Structures are given as C-alpha cells and as structure tokens.
C-alpha cells in the first residue's frame, strides 16, 4: 500500500493522483499536466494496488495528450531494485497504449519483457491485457523469452494457469514441462473457484453492465474487456474515475 500523501482533491494534481474523471477534462489547460501524468505513472500514487486500477486511466491520458514515452522508458531502464512494484504500473500502461494507436509502446514493452530486470512483470502485463493479440509484441516473444533463460528463473516466474504461460506452453516444451512439474509439486488444498471461463463467455455489452454495477466482478470484467482489445475500457476509466 502506497504512503503517498495526495494533494487537495480540488486541485488538478490531487484529482489526477486519485484517478478522478475531473482531471481528464482539465488536462488540456492545467499547467504542468504532462509532468503530473508522468509522475503518477512512475511514482504510482495508488494507495491500494489490489482494488485501485489506474492503467487504463493513465494510458488514456497519455494518448489524449500525445505524450512521448521517453520518461517512462527511462524509468524502466534505470530502476534495478528487486521489488517490482515501482515498475508494475508503467508496464501495465505500456501494455494498453497500443490499443489506442500508440504502437511505439509495443517496442518498449517487448524490449523490457525480453531483457528487463522485471521481465516477468512485463509478461504479466501482456497476459492481463489485449497485448497478446498484437503481432509487434507477440510474434516470436516466447522464443526470445525462453532462449535467454535457464529453467530456474522460468520456474520462479511461471504461474501455471495464467497467460502468457498457458499459451507459451503450447509451443514451448520447456515451459510445458516446468508447468507440469509445478502442478505435480503442489500441495493439495481447497479448490479455488476460477471465474475466468464464466467471464470469458459474457458478451461485451453485459461486461460493461458488470463494470457499471460495481461489486466483486468489476475488476474481472474490465480485465476481460482489456484482453479483447476493446477501447471502451478507456472511456470506462474516465467515467469511473
């Protein structure tokens, strides 16, 4: 949980830090708007990452203002501590930007997924968004990831039933073997109900209804819309903010 102290909720910066829709309407006139957006991406002002999503909100602002990605890329290149949280939001934002025409983000994200210190966090961002559908990110990615790593770091990074690992396993024997070994070594425990297949079967209109209704399924509905590459997620981010 972040300990960032927010500015006044009436101020542009305070609204931006909180992910408010009001800040979106002020970006074209607010002094220092670009720097404030970069700050929220790089510093990550969310108080609780588990319930507070900002990736679509901030990606929409970057696209709206047509901001260069150099400051975000510089942050990724210079941060090398073990804790991945300070780069998590930046990678999530990069994964969504190609959906609104910022194809330059694809090269930055792919490069970090291959060579970055927190490459597995970049893969998680790719798997949780619609970025797997983009040839500029996806084509040859599995080969590059696997070729650069031994089994140990792969086993540490792999989450058996999540993307992109489940798709990687279809073409990468090493990934498939590691997943099988990890599953075999699991201690038996209470089964966790996986609602992803149910969410995946819902059409876009009903997913939007789930987002609007709030509740426990809002996050999953937003993630599913993102995986499908539906640009409505950016509009929803502004409205919900």
C-alpha atoms as a PDB file:
ATOM      1  CA  UNK A   1       0.000   0.000   0.000  1.00  0.00           C
ATOM      2  CA  UNK A   2       1.389   3.397  -1.021  1.00  0.00           C
ATOM      3  CA  UNK A   3       2.037   6.043   1.618  1.00  0.00           C
ATOM      4  CA  UNK A   4       1.896   8.913  -0.895  1.00  0.00           C
ATOM      5  CA  UNK A   5       0.181  11.966   0.535  1.00  0.00           C
ATOM      6  CA  UNK A   6      -2.315  13.274  -2.002  1.00  0.00           C
ATOM      7  CA  UNK A   7      -2.750  16.919  -2.903  1.00  0.00           C
ATOM      8  CA  UNK A   8      -6.105  18.597  -2.297  1.00  0.00           C
ATOM      9  CA  UNK A   9      -8.971  16.796  -4.096  1.00  0.00           C
ATOM     10  CA  UNK A  10      -9.979  20.142  -5.596  1.00  0.00           C
ATOM     11  CA  UNK A  11      -6.608  20.566  -7.321  1.00  0.00           C
ATOM     12  CA  UNK A  12      -5.722  19.128 -10.710  1.00  0.00           C
ATOM     13  CA  UNK A  13      -2.791  17.189  -9.297  1.00  0.00           C
ATOM     14  CA  UNK A  14      -4.900  15.824  -6.448  1.00  0.00           C
ATOM     15  CA  UNK A  15      -7.612  14.699  -8.850  1.00  0.00           C
ATOM     16  CA  UNK A  16      -5.019  13.054 -11.060  1.00  0.00           C
ATOM     17  CA  UNK A  17      -3.444  11.249  -8.113  1.00  0.00           C
ATOM     18  CA  UNK A  18      -6.857   9.869  -7.178  1.00  0.00           C
ATOM     19  CA  UNK A  19      -7.696   8.820 -10.738  1.00  0.00           C
ATOM     20  CA  UNK A  20     -10.662  11.189 -10.973  1.00  0.00           C
ATOM     21  CA  UNK A  21     -12.502  11.825 -14.223  1.00  0.00           C
ATOM     22  CA  UNK A  22     -12.475  15.554 -13.455  1.00  0.00           C
ATOM     23  CA  UNK A  23      -8.727  15.630 -14.068  1.00  0.00           C
ATOM     24  CA  UNK A  24      -9.212  14.307 -17.598  1.00  0.00           C
ATOM     25  CA  UNK A  25     -11.231  17.368 -18.559  1.00  0.00           C
ATOM     26  CA  UNK A  26      -8.565  19.689 -17.126  1.00  0.00           C
ATOM     27  CA  UNK A  27      -5.508  18.184 -18.819  1.00  0.00           C
ATOM     28  CA  UNK A  28      -5.639  20.481 -21.845  1.00  0.00           C
ATOM     29  CA  UNK A  29      -5.434  23.639 -19.728  1.00  0.00           C
ATOM     30  CA  UNK A  30      -3.752  22.643 -16.454  1.00  0.00           C
ATOM     31  CA  UNK A  31      -0.142  23.872 -16.119  1.00  0.00           C
ATOM     32  CA  UNK A  32       2.339  21.022 -15.864  1.00  0.00           C
ATOM     33  CA  UNK A  33      -0.220  18.405 -16.916  1.00  0.00           C
ATOM     34  CA  UNK A  34       2.324  16.249 -18.747  1.00  0.00           C
ATOM     35  CA  UNK A  35       4.740  16.150 -15.811  1.00  0.00           C
ATOM     36  CA  UNK A  36       1.893  15.285 -13.447  1.00  0.00           C
ATOM     37  CA  UNK A  37       0.795  12.362 -15.624  1.00  0.00           C
ATOM     38  CA  UNK A  38       4.351  11.047 -15.821  1.00  0.00           C
ATOM     39  CA  UNK A  39       4.641  11.362 -12.050  1.00  0.00           C
ATOM     40  CA  UNK A  40       1.534   9.237 -11.494  1.00  0.00           C
ATOM     41  CA  UNK A  41       2.811   6.543 -13.856  1.00  0.00           C
ATOM     42  CA  UNK A  42       6.331   6.437 -12.480  1.00  0.00           C
ATOM     43  CA  UNK A  43       5.659   7.073  -8.787  1.00  0.00           C
ATOM     44  CA  UNK A  44       2.373   5.105  -8.720  1.00  0.00           C
ATOM     45  CA  UNK A  45       0.200   7.061  -6.319  1.00  0.00           C
ATOM     46  CA  UNK A  46      -2.347   4.306  -5.697  1.00  0.00           C
ATOM     47  CA  UNK A  47      -2.991   3.635  -2.041  1.00  0.00           C
ATOM     48  CA  UNK A  48      -4.093   0.040  -2.604  1.00  0.00           C
ATOM     49  CA  UNK A  49      -2.946  -1.781  -5.735  1.00  0.00           C
ATOM     50  CA  UNK A  50      -5.368  -4.645  -5.192  1.00  0.00           C
ATOM     51  CA  UNK A  51      -8.511  -2.553  -5.589  1.00  0.00           C
ATOM     52  CA  UNK A  52      -7.363   0.608  -7.377  1.00  0.00           C
ATOM     53  CA  UNK A  53      -6.769   0.257 -11.109  1.00  0.00           C
ATOM     54  CA  UNK A  54      -5.116   3.154 -12.938  1.00  0.00           C
ATOM     55  CA  UNK A  55      -3.616   1.602 -16.051  1.00  0.00           C
ATOM     56  CA  UNK A  56      -6.458   2.389 -18.467  1.00  0.00           C
ATOM     57  CA  UNK A  57      -6.959   5.829 -16.900  1.00  0.00           C
ATOM     58  CA  UNK A  58      -3.318   6.833 -17.323  1.00  0.00           C
ATOM     59  CA  UNK A  59      -2.933   5.189 -20.730  1.00  0.00           C
ATOM     60  CA  UNK A  60      -5.927   7.197 -21.908  1.00  0.00           C
ATOM     61  CA  UNK A  61      -4.342  10.425 -20.661  1.00  0.00           C
ATOM     62  CA  UNK A  62      -1.021   9.681 -22.355  1.00  0.00           C
ATOM     63  CA  UNK A  63      -2.860   9.026 -25.619  1.00  0.00           C
ATOM     64  CA  UNK A  64      -5.052  12.110 -25.192  1.00  0.00           C
ATOM     65  CA  UNK A  65      -2.048  14.387 -24.634  1.00  0.00           C
ATOM     66  CA  UNK A  66       0.133  12.516 -27.158  1.00  0.00           C
ATOM     67  CA  UNK A  67       2.925  12.350 -24.592  1.00  0.00           C
ATOM     68  CA  UNK A  68       6.338  10.927 -25.514  1.00  0.00           C
ATOM     69  CA  UNK A  69       7.217   7.658 -23.786  1.00  0.00           C
ATOM     70  CA  UNK A  70      10.858   8.559 -23.124  1.00  0.00           C
ATOM     71  CA  UNK A  71      10.371   9.412 -19.403  1.00  0.00           C
ATOM     72  CA  UNK A  72       8.598   6.096 -18.796  1.00  0.00           C
ATOM     73  CA  UNK A  73      11.232   4.171 -20.726  1.00  0.00           C
ATOM     74  CA  UNK A  74      13.984   5.931 -18.780  1.00  0.00           C
ATOM     75  CA  UNK A  75      12.314   4.923 -15.526  1.00  0.00           C
ATOM     76  CA  UNK A  76      12.269   1.288 -16.629  1.00  0.00           C
ATOM     77  CA  UNK A  77      15.892   1.389 -17.755  1.00  0.00           C
ATOM     78  CA  UNK A  78      17.245   2.961 -14.576  1.00  0.00           C
ATOM     79  CA  UNK A  79      15.239   1.072 -11.954  1.00  0.00           C
ATOM     80  CA  UNK A  80      17.004  -2.142 -10.957  1.00  0.00           C
ATOM     81  CA  UNK A  81      15.942  -2.895  -7.372  1.00  0.00           C
ATOM     82  CA  UNK A  82      14.481  -6.296  -6.532  1.00  0.00           C
ATOM     83  CA  UNK A  83      10.976  -5.011  -5.754  1.00  0.00           C
ATOM     84  CA  UNK A  84       8.926  -4.999  -8.973  1.00  0.00           C
ATOM     85  CA  UNK A  85       6.118  -2.785  -7.678  1.00  0.00           C
ATOM     86  CA  UNK A  86       7.695   0.532  -8.781  1.00  0.00           C
ATOM     87  CA  UNK A  87       7.609  -0.588 -12.441  1.00  0.00           C
ATOM     88  CA  UNK A  88       4.333  -2.546 -12.359  1.00  0.00           C
ATOM     89  CA  UNK A  89       2.007   0.314 -13.282  1.00  0.00           C
ATOM     90  CA  UNK A  90       4.307   1.648 -16.002  1.00  0.00           C
ATOM     91  CA  UNK A  91       4.334  -1.776 -17.659  1.00  0.00           C
ATOM     92  CA  UNK A  92       0.557  -2.104 -17.386  1.00  0.00           C
ATOM     93  CA  UNK A  93       0.135   1.303 -19.026  1.00  0.00           C
ATOM     94  CA  UNK A  94       2.505   0.361 -21.854  1.00  0.00           C
ATOM     95  CA  UNK A  95       0.515  -2.827 -22.467  1.00  0.00           C
ATOM     96  CA  UNK A  96      -2.680  -0.827 -23.039  1.00  0.00           C
ATOM     97  CA  UNK A  97      -1.289   2.047 -25.103  1.00  0.00           C
ATOM     98  CA  UNK A  98      -1.115   0.139 -28.420  1.00  0.00           C
ATOM     99  CA  UNK A  99      -4.901  -0.323 -28.192  1.00  0.00           C
ATOM    100  CA  UNK A 100      -5.301   3.411 -28.759  1.00  0.00           C
ATOM    101  CA  UNK A 101      -2.809   3.650 -31.578  1.00  0.00           C
ATOM    102  CA  UNK A 102       0.395   4.218 -29.619  1.00  0.00           C
ATOM    103  CA  UNK A 103       2.302   1.433 -31.341  1.00  0.00           C
ATOM    104  CA  UNK A 104       5.589   2.902 -30.113  1.00  0.00           C
ATOM    105  CA  UNK A 105       4.690   1.466 -26.712  1.00  0.00           C
ATOM    106  CA  UNK A 106       4.818  -2.063 -28.139  1.00  0.00           C
ATOM    107  CA  UNK A 107       8.556  -1.875 -28.821  1.00  0.00           C
ATOM    108  CA  UNK A 108       9.296  -0.517 -25.343  1.00  0.00           C
ATOM    109  CA  UNK A 109       7.216  -3.193 -23.638  1.00  0.00           C
ATOM    110  CA  UNK A 110       8.532  -6.057 -25.740  1.00  0.00           C
ATOM    111  CA  UNK A 111      12.132  -4.969 -25.220  1.00  0.00           C
ATOM    112  CA  UNK A 112      11.657  -4.868 -21.459  1.00  0.00           C
ATOM    113  CA  UNK A 113       9.902  -8.243 -21.437  1.00  0.00           C
ATOM    114  CA  UNK A 114      12.929  -9.778 -23.138  1.00  0.00           C
ATOM    115  CA  UNK A 115      15.787  -8.045 -21.318  1.00  0.00           C
ATOM    116  CA  UNK A 116      14.389  -6.042 -18.394  1.00  0.00           C
ATOM    117  CA  UNK A 117      15.176  -6.883 -14.756  1.00  0.00           C
ATOM    118  CA  UNK A 118      11.481  -7.433 -14.021  1.00  0.00           C
ATOM    119  CA  UNK A 119      10.701  -9.197 -17.282  1.00  0.00           C
ATOM    120  CA  UNK A 120       8.134 -11.495 -15.638  1.00  0.00           C
ATOM    121  CA  UNK A 121       6.123  -8.452 -14.519  1.00  0.00           C
ATOM    122  CA  UNK A 122       6.122  -7.245 -18.124  1.00  0.00           C
ATOM    123  CA  UNK A 123       4.842 -10.650 -19.242  1.00  0.00           C
ATOM    124  CA  UNK A 124       2.098 -10.451 -16.642  1.00  0.00           C
ATOM    125  CA  UNK A 125       1.053  -7.068 -18.050  1.00  0.00           C
ATOM    126  CA  UNK A 126       0.999  -8.551 -21.547  1.00  0.00           C
ATOM    127  CA  UNK A 127      -1.048 -11.520 -20.380  1.00  0.00           C
ATOM    128  CA  UNK A 128      -3.567  -9.398 -18.482  1.00  0.00           C
ATOM    129  CA  UNK A 129      -4.270  -7.065 -21.398  1.00  0.00           C
ATOM    130  CA  UNK A 130      -5.074  -7.429 -25.068  1.00  0.00           C
ATOM    131  CA  UNK A 131      -1.383  -7.094 -25.952  1.00  0.00           C
ATOM    132  CA  UNK A 132      -1.100 -10.803 -26.786  1.00  0.00           C
ATOM    133  CA  UNK A 133      -3.135 -10.057 -29.923  1.00  0.00           C
ATOM    134  CA  UNK A 134      -0.551  -7.611 -31.266  1.00  0.00           C
ATOM    135  CA  UNK A 135       1.997  -9.141 -33.672  1.00  0.00           C
ATOM    136  CA  UNK A 136       4.501  -6.392 -32.830  1.00  0.00           C
ATOM    137  CA  UNK A 137       4.576  -7.689 -29.257  1.00  0.00           C
ATOM    138  CA  UNK A 138       3.640 -11.327 -29.577  1.00  0.00           C
ATOM    139  CA  UNK A 139       5.363 -12.736 -32.663  1.00  0.00           C
ATOM    140  CA  UNK A 140       8.498 -14.594 -31.580  1.00  0.00           C
ATOM    141  CA  UNK A 141       8.193 -13.407 -27.972  1.00  0.00           C
ATOM    142  CA  UNK A 142       8.085 -16.916 -26.499  1.00  0.00           C
ATOM    143  CA  UNK A 143      11.241 -17.925 -28.379  1.00  0.00           C
ATOM    144  CA  UNK A 144      13.109 -14.839 -27.159  1.00  0.00           C
ATOM    145  CA  UNK A 145      11.979 -15.308 -23.553  1.00  0.00           C
ATOM    146  CA  UNK A 146      12.880 -18.996 -23.383  1.00  0.00           C
ATOM    147  CA  UNK A 147      16.191 -18.694 -25.242  1.00  0.00           C
ATOM    148  CA  UNK A 148      17.531 -16.142 -22.758  1.00  0.00           C
ATOM    149  CA  UNK A 149      16.779 -18.077 -19.548  1.00  0.00           C
ATOM    150  CA  UNK A 150      17.538 -21.293 -17.711  1.00  0.00           C
ATOM    151  CA  UNK A 151      14.854 -23.397 -16.052  1.00  0.00           C
ATOM    152  CA  UNK A 152      15.309 -21.859 -12.582  1.00  0.00           C
ATOM    153  CA  UNK A 153      14.240 -18.279 -13.416  1.00  0.00           C
ATOM    154  CA  UNK A 154      11.466 -19.609 -15.627  1.00  0.00           C
ATOM    155  CA  UNK A 155      10.096 -21.792 -12.837  1.00  0.00           C
ATOM    156  CA  UNK A 156      10.209 -18.842 -10.461  1.00  0.00           C
ATOM    157  CA  UNK A 157       8.281 -16.653 -12.904  1.00  0.00           C
ATOM    158  CA  UNK A 158       5.676 -19.096 -14.186  1.00  0.00           C
ATOM    159  CA  UNK A 159       2.127 -19.028 -12.873  1.00  0.00           C
ATOM    160  CA  UNK A 160       0.700 -22.276 -14.139  1.00  0.00           C
ATOM    161  CA  UNK A 161      -2.807 -21.255 -15.141  1.00  0.00           C
ATOM    162  CA  UNK A 162      -2.201 -17.699 -16.314  1.00  0.00           C
ATOM    163  CA  UNK A 163      -1.274 -16.018 -19.565  1.00  0.00           C
ATOM    164  CA  UNK A 164       1.008 -15.785 -21.351  1.00  0.00           C
ATOM    165  CA  UNK A 165       2.391 -19.010 -19.874  1.00  0.00           C
ATOM    166  CA  UNK A 166      -0.531 -21.227 -20.858  1.00  0.00           C
ATOM    167  CA  UNK A 167      -0.146 -20.131 -24.479  1.00  0.00           C
ATOM    168  CA  UNK A 168       3.653 -20.354 -24.330  1.00  0.00           C
ATOM    169  CA  UNK A 169       3.282 -23.962 -23.170  1.00  0.00           C
ATOM    170  CA  UNK A 170       1.556 -24.890 -26.422  1.00  0.00           C
ATOM    171  CA  UNK A 171       4.710 -24.217 -28.446  1.00  0.00           C
ATOM    172  CA  UNK A 172       7.493 -24.363 -25.844  1.00  0.00           C
ATOM    173  CA  UNK A 173       8.254 -27.855 -24.456  1.00  0.00           C
ATOM    174  CA  UNK A 174      10.364 -26.428 -21.622  1.00  0.00           C
ATOM    175  CA  UNK A 175       7.512 -24.264 -20.394  1.00  0.00           C
ATOM    176  CA  UNK A 176       5.083 -27.169 -20.653  1.00  0.00           C
ATOM    177  CA  UNK A 177       7.456 -29.411 -18.665  1.00  0.00           C
ATOM    178  CA  UNK A 178       8.008 -26.791 -15.949  1.00  0.00           C
ATOM    179  CA  UNK A 179       4.263 -26.216 -15.615  1.00  0.00           C
ATOM    180  CA  UNK A 180       3.673 -29.966 -15.286  1.00  0.00           C
ATOM    181  CA  UNK A 181       6.387 -30.190 -12.623  1.00  0.00           C
ATOM    182  CA  UNK A 182       4.974 -27.238 -10.702  1.00  0.00           C
ATOM    183  CA  UNK A 183       1.480 -28.701 -10.774  1.00  0.00           C
ATOM    184  CA  UNK A 184       2.759 -32.079  -9.609  1.00  0.00           C
ATOM    185  CA  UNK A 185       4.574 -30.484  -6.672  1.00  0.00           C
ATOM    186  CA  UNK A 186       1.593 -28.516  -5.431  1.00  0.00           C
ATOM    187  CA  UNK A 187       0.270 -29.444  -2.016  1.00  0.00           C
ATOM    188  CA  UNK A 188      -3.388 -30.443  -2.123  1.00  0.00           C
ATOM    189  CA  UNK A 189      -5.630 -27.741  -0.729  1.00  0.00           C
ATOM    190  CA  UNK A 190      -9.075 -26.257  -1.078  1.00  0.00           C
ATOM    191  CA  UNK A 191     -10.002 -25.693  -4.701  1.00  0.00           C
ATOM    192  CA  UNK A 192     -10.302 -22.066  -5.692  1.00  0.00           C
ATOM    193  CA  UNK A 193     -13.245 -21.269  -7.897  1.00  0.00           C
ATOM    194  CA  UNK A 194     -11.964 -19.907 -11.176  1.00  0.00           C
ATOM    195  CA  UNK A 195     -14.461 -17.491 -12.682  1.00  0.00           C
ATOM    196  CA  UNK A 196     -12.413 -16.626 -15.763  1.00  0.00           C
ATOM    197  CA  UNK A 197     -14.170 -19.111 -18.077  1.00  0.00           C
ATOM    198  CA  UNK A 198     -17.510 -17.662 -16.987  1.00  0.00           C
ATOM    199  CA  UNK A 199     -16.348 -14.093 -17.601  1.00  0.00           C
ATOM    200  CA  UNK A 200     -14.913 -15.067 -20.991  1.00  0.00           C
ATOM    201  CA  UNK A 201     -18.324 -16.325 -22.101  1.00  0.00           C
ATOM    202  CA  UNK A 202     -20.043 -12.981 -21.448  1.00  0.00           C
ATOM    203  CA  UNK A 203     -20.518 -10.592 -24.365  1.00  0.00           C
ATOM    204  CA  UNK A 204     -19.121  -7.060 -24.286  1.00  0.00           C
ATOM    205  CA  UNK A 205     -22.429  -5.362 -23.554  1.00  0.00           C
ATOM    206  CA  UNK A 206     -23.016  -7.460 -20.443  1.00  0.00           C
ATOM    207  CA  UNK A 207     -19.400  -6.993 -19.342  1.00  0.00           C
ATOM    208  CA  UNK A 208     -19.909  -3.234 -19.484  1.00  0.00           C
ATOM    209  CA  UNK A 209     -23.011  -3.732 -17.347  1.00  0.00           C
ATOM    210  CA  UNK A 210     -20.951  -5.609 -14.747  1.00  0.00           C
ATOM    211  CA  UNK A 211     -18.427  -2.774 -14.663  1.00  0.00           C
ATOM    212  CA  UNK A 212     -21.159  -0.189 -14.180  1.00  0.00           C
ATOM    213  CA  UNK A 213     -22.810  -2.246 -11.436  1.00  0.00           C
ATOM    214  CA  UNK A 214     -19.613  -2.454  -9.398  1.00  0.00           C
ATOM    215  CA  UNK A 215     -19.102  -5.291  -6.974  1.00  0.00           C
ATOM    216  CA  UNK A 216     -16.602  -8.131  -6.959  1.00  0.00           C
ATOM    217  CA  UNK A 217     -16.828  -8.825 -10.708  1.00  0.00           C
ATOM    218  CA  UNK A 218     -15.951  -5.280 -11.861  1.00  0.00           C
ATOM    219  CA  UNK A 219     -12.212  -5.919 -11.988  1.00  0.00           C
ATOM    220  CA  UNK A 220     -12.580  -9.191 -13.892  1.00  0.00           C
ATOM    221  CA  UNK A 221     -14.976  -7.571 -16.359  1.00  0.00           C
ATOM    222  CA  UNK A 222     -12.531  -4.716 -17.015  1.00  0.00           C
ATOM    223  CA  UNK A 223      -9.648  -7.154 -17.467  1.00  0.00           C
ATOM    224  CA  UNK A 224     -11.675  -9.236 -19.922  1.00  0.00           C
ATOM    225  CA  UNK A 225     -12.571  -6.148 -21.962  1.00  0.00           C
ATOM    226  CA  UNK A 226      -8.876  -5.259 -21.988  1.00  0.00           C
ATOM    227  CA  UNK A 227      -7.913  -8.746 -23.156  1.00  0.00           C
ATOM    228  CA  UNK A 228     -10.344  -8.381 -26.043  1.00  0.00           C
ATOM    229  CA  UNK A 229      -8.746  -5.085 -27.018  1.00  0.00           C
ATOM    230  CA  UNK A 230     -11.993  -3.160 -26.527  1.00  0.00           C
ATOM    231  CA  UNK A 231     -11.224   0.567 -26.354  1.00  0.00           C
ATOM    232  CA  UNK A 232     -14.275   1.093 -24.154  1.00  0.00           C
ATOM    233  CA  UNK A 233     -12.010   0.393 -21.169  1.00  0.00           C
ATOM    234  CA  UNK A 234     -10.516   3.864 -21.569  1.00  0.00           C
ATOM    235  CA  UNK A 235     -13.931   5.516 -21.566  1.00  0.00           C
ATOM    236  CA  UNK A 236     -14.941   3.463 -18.540  1.00  0.00           C
ATOM    237  CA  UNK A 237     -11.759   4.514 -16.766  1.00  0.00           C
ATOM    238  CA  UNK A 238     -12.657   8.169 -17.231  1.00  0.00           C
ATOM    239  CA  UNK A 239     -16.256   7.694 -16.115  1.00  0.00           C
ATOM    240  CA  UNK A 240     -15.419   5.578 -13.068  1.00  0.00           C
ATOM    241  CA  UNK A 241     -12.682   7.990 -12.039  1.00  0.00           C
END
